[in-house]
Amino acid sequence: MDFEITPEKVKALLDEQAPFTLLDVREPWEFELSQIANSKLISMGDIPTCAHQELDPDEHIIVVCHHGVRSMSVTNWLRQQGFDKAQSLRGGIDAWSKHIDSKLPTY
């Protein structure tokens, strides 16, 4: 499984109602400004203490941040912890807003 997934592929998974967790690793203030529906917020700094309690290592996890840098770091960490189906949303929520949902505020 690739480390990154495009916004278009995530949209297709949502449309298919495929089972996966959309994990937003931004800060709460960022999440309040703009978020993808049904995403789960665990800030990047909380991932090491929360991941094993709140995430299923067997589930497909798509990690989201602002531009894709934090989500790639978290994806790498999750993969090292045995979350083999973790992927980073390429371009983050910024790309999601530009390519999928233009009503979603950018910042």
C-alpha atoms as a PDB file:
ATOM      1  CA  MET A   1       0.000   0.000   0.000  1.00  0.00           C
ATOM      2  CA  ASP A   2       1.362   3.426  -0.950  1.00  0.00           C
ATOM      3  CA  PHE A   3       2.270   5.867   1.804  1.00  0.00           C
ATOM      4  CA  GLU A   4       0.178   8.595   0.143  1.00  0.00           C
ATOM      5  CA  ILE A   5      -3.331   8.647  -1.276  1.00  0.00           C
ATOM      6  CA  THR A   6      -4.800  11.348  -3.501  1.00  0.00           C
ATOM      7  CA  PRO A   7      -7.854  13.388  -2.557  1.00  0.00           C
ATOM      8  CA  GLU A   8      -9.675  11.888  -5.547  1.00  0.00           C
ATOM      9  CA  LYS A   9      -9.077   8.328  -4.311  1.00  0.00           C
ATOM     10  CA  VAL A  10     -10.269   9.250  -0.812  1.00  0.00           C
ATOM     11  CA  LYS A  11     -13.421  10.793  -2.322  1.00  0.00           C
ATOM     12  CA  ALA A  12     -14.011   7.559  -4.255  1.00  0.00           C
ATOM     13  CA  LEU A  13     -13.658   5.549  -1.030  1.00  0.00           C
ATOM     14  CA  LEU A  14     -16.147   7.851   0.684  1.00  0.00           C
ATOM     15  CA  ASP A  15     -18.578   7.516  -2.230  1.00  0.00           C
ATOM     16  CA  GLU A  16     -18.245   3.714  -2.061  1.00  0.00           C
ATOM     17  CA  GLN A  17     -18.758   3.865   1.714  1.00  0.00           C
ATOM     18  CA  ALA A  18     -15.600   1.803   2.102  1.00  0.00           C
ATOM     19  CA  PRO A  19     -14.590   1.224   5.724  1.00  0.00           C
ATOM     20  CA  PHE A  20     -11.699   3.428   6.846  1.00  0.00           C
ATOM     21  CA  THR A  21     -10.799   5.960   9.510  1.00  0.00           C
ATOM     22  CA  LEU A  22     -10.132   9.535   8.466  1.00  0.00           C
ATOM     23  CA  LEU A  23      -7.620  10.684  11.086  1.00  0.00           C
ATOM     24  CA  ASP A  24      -7.042  14.435  11.337  1.00  0.00           C
ATOM     25  CA  VAL A  25      -3.762  15.220  13.120  1.00  0.00           C
ATOM     26  CA  ARG A  26      -4.003  19.024  13.092  1.00  0.00           C
ATOM     27  CA  GLU A  27      -4.517  21.182  16.150  1.00  0.00           C
ATOM     28  CA  PRO A  28      -8.056  21.671  17.527  1.00  0.00           C
ATOM     29  CA  TRP A  29      -8.193  25.295  16.322  1.00  0.00           C
ATOM     30  CA  GLU A  30      -7.395  24.142  12.772  1.00  0.00           C
ATOM     31  CA  PHE A  31     -10.009  21.406  12.977  1.00  0.00           C
ATOM     32  CA  GLU A  32     -12.626  23.981  14.028  1.00  0.00           C
ATOM     33  CA  LEU A  33     -11.806  26.132  10.989  1.00  0.00           C
ATOM     34  CA  SER A  34     -12.066  23.394   8.397  1.00  0.00           C
ATOM     35  CA  GLN A  35     -12.668  19.651   8.510  1.00  0.00           C
ATOM     36  CA  ILE A  36     -13.720  16.734   6.363  1.00  0.00           C
ATOM     37  CA  ALA A  37     -16.978  15.191   7.573  1.00  0.00           C
ATOM     38  CA  ASN A  38     -16.672  12.231   9.947  1.00  0.00           C
ATOM     39  CA  SER A  39     -12.959  12.725  10.568  1.00  0.00           C
ATOM     40  CA  LYS A  40     -11.466  11.850  13.940  1.00  0.00           C
ATOM     41  CA  LEU A  41      -9.231  14.445  15.576  1.00  0.00           C
ATOM     42  CA  ILE A  42      -6.085  13.333  17.379  1.00  0.00           C
ATOM     43  CA  SER A  43      -3.471  16.073  17.260  1.00  0.00           C
ATOM     44  CA  MET A  44      -0.038  14.994  16.068  1.00  0.00           C
ATOM     45  CA  GLY A  45       1.483  15.485  19.525  1.00  0.00           C
ATOM     46  CA  ASP A  46      -1.103  13.133  21.052  1.00  0.00           C
ATOM     47  CA  ILE A  47      -0.643  10.315  18.554  1.00  0.00           C
ATOM     48  CA  PRO A  48       2.080   8.418  20.511  1.00  0.00           C
ATOM     49  CA  THR A  49      -0.092   8.236  23.636  1.00  0.00           C
ATOM     50  CA  CYS A  50      -3.480   7.727  21.945  1.00  0.00           C
ATOM     51  CA  ALA A  51      -2.875   5.675  18.798  1.00  0.00           C
ATOM     52  CA  HIS A  52      -2.938   2.222  20.381  1.00  0.00           C
ATOM     53  CA  GLN A  53      -6.027   3.029  22.465  1.00  0.00           C
ATOM     54  CA  GLU A  54      -8.094   4.833  19.822  1.00  0.00           C
ATOM     55  CA  LEU A  55      -7.065   3.297  16.490  1.00  0.00           C
ATOM     56  CA  ASP A  56      -7.355  -0.216  15.070  1.00  0.00           C
ATOM     57  CA  PRO A  57      -4.051  -1.407  13.559  1.00  0.00           C
ATOM     58  CA  ASP A  58      -5.952  -3.636  11.117  1.00  0.00           C
ATOM     59  CA  GLU A  59      -8.108  -0.814   9.754  1.00  0.00           C
ATOM     60  CA  HIS A  60      -7.356   1.406   6.765  1.00  0.00           C
ATOM     61  CA  ILE A  61      -6.383   4.804   8.237  1.00  0.00           C
ATOM     62  CA  ILE A  62      -6.095   7.927   6.099  1.00  0.00           C
ATOM     63  CA  VAL A  63      -4.173  10.663   7.899  1.00  0.00           C
ATOM     64  CA  VAL A  64      -4.986  14.315   7.202  1.00  0.00           C
ATOM     65  CA  CYS A  65      -3.222  17.572   8.077  1.00  0.00           C
ATOM     66  CA  HIS A  66      -2.994  21.016   6.474  1.00  0.00           C
ATOM     67  CA  HIS A  67      -0.622  20.378   3.544  1.00  0.00           C
ATOM     68  CA  GLY A  68       0.504  16.757   4.013  1.00  0.00           C
ATOM     69  CA  VAL A  69       3.741  17.147   5.979  1.00  0.00           C
ATOM     70  CA  ARG A  70       2.451  16.250   9.456  1.00  0.00           C
ATOM     71  CA  SER A  71       0.235  13.516   8.060  1.00  0.00           C
ATOM     72  CA  MET A  72       3.221  11.904   6.319  1.00  0.00           C
ATOM     73  CA  SER A  73       5.203  11.974   9.586  1.00  0.00           C
ATOM     74  CA  VAL A  74       2.303  10.390  11.458  1.00  0.00           C
ATOM     75  CA  THR A  75       1.797   7.830   8.683  1.00  0.00           C
ATOM     76  CA  ASN A  76       5.480   6.830   8.905  1.00  0.00           C
ATOM     77  CA  TRP A  77       5.212   6.513  12.697  1.00  0.00           C
ATOM     78  CA  LEU A  78       1.987   4.490  12.475  1.00  0.00           C
ATOM     79  CA  ARG A  79       3.532   2.139   9.925  1.00  0.00           C
ATOM     80  CA  GLN A  80       6.494   1.583  12.281  1.00  0.00           C
ATOM     81  CA  GLN A  81       3.987   0.704  15.016  1.00  0.00           C
ATOM     82  CA  GLY A  82       2.268  -1.963  12.894  1.00  0.00           C
ATOM     83  CA  PHE A  83      -0.531   0.122  11.381  1.00  0.00           C
ATOM     84  CA  ASP A  84       0.261  -1.256   7.926  1.00  0.00           C
ATOM     85  CA  LYS A  85      -2.759   0.298   6.209  1.00  0.00           C
ATOM     86  CA  ALA A  86      -2.015   3.907   7.207  1.00  0.00           C
ATOM     87  CA  GLN A  87      -1.798   6.434   4.367  1.00  0.00           C
ATOM     88  CA  SER A  88      -1.276  10.186   4.193  1.00  0.00           C
ATOM     89  CA  LEU A  89      -3.700  12.393   2.259  1.00  0.00           C
ATOM     90  CA  ARG A  90      -1.483  13.981  -0.412  1.00  0.00           C
ATOM     91  CA  GLY A  91      -1.654  17.778  -0.122  1.00  0.00           C
ATOM     92  CA  GLY A  92      -3.717  17.651   3.068  1.00  0.00           C
ATOM     93  CA  ILE A  93      -6.994  19.400   3.656  1.00  0.00           C
ATOM     94  CA  ASP A  94      -5.761  22.252   1.469  1.00  0.00           C
ATOM     95  CA  ALA A  95      -5.713  19.924  -1.559  1.00  0.00           C
ATOM     96  CA  TRP A  96      -9.064  18.457  -0.500  1.00  0.00           C
ATOM     97  CA  SER A  97     -10.567  21.947  -0.571  1.00  0.00           C
ATOM     98  CA  LYS A  98      -9.047  22.763  -3.956  1.00  0.00           C
ATOM     99  CA  HIS A  99      -9.869  19.477  -5.716  1.00  0.00           C
ATOM    100  CA  ILE A 100     -12.892  17.968  -3.958  1.00  0.00           C
ATOM    101  CA  ASP A 101     -14.875  20.425  -1.820  1.00  0.00           C
ATOM    102  CA  SER A 102     -14.364  24.073  -2.714  1.00  0.00           C
ATOM    103  CA  LYS A 103     -16.852  25.097  -0.007  1.00  0.00           C
ATOM    104  CA  LEU A 104     -14.395  23.945   2.649  1.00  0.00           C
ATOM    105  CA  PRO A 105     -12.535  26.983   4.035  1.00  0.00           C
ATOM    106  CA  THR A 106      -8.811  27.235   3.390  1.00  0.00           C
ATOM    107  CA  TYR A 107      -6.364  28.936   5.706  1.00  0.00           C
END
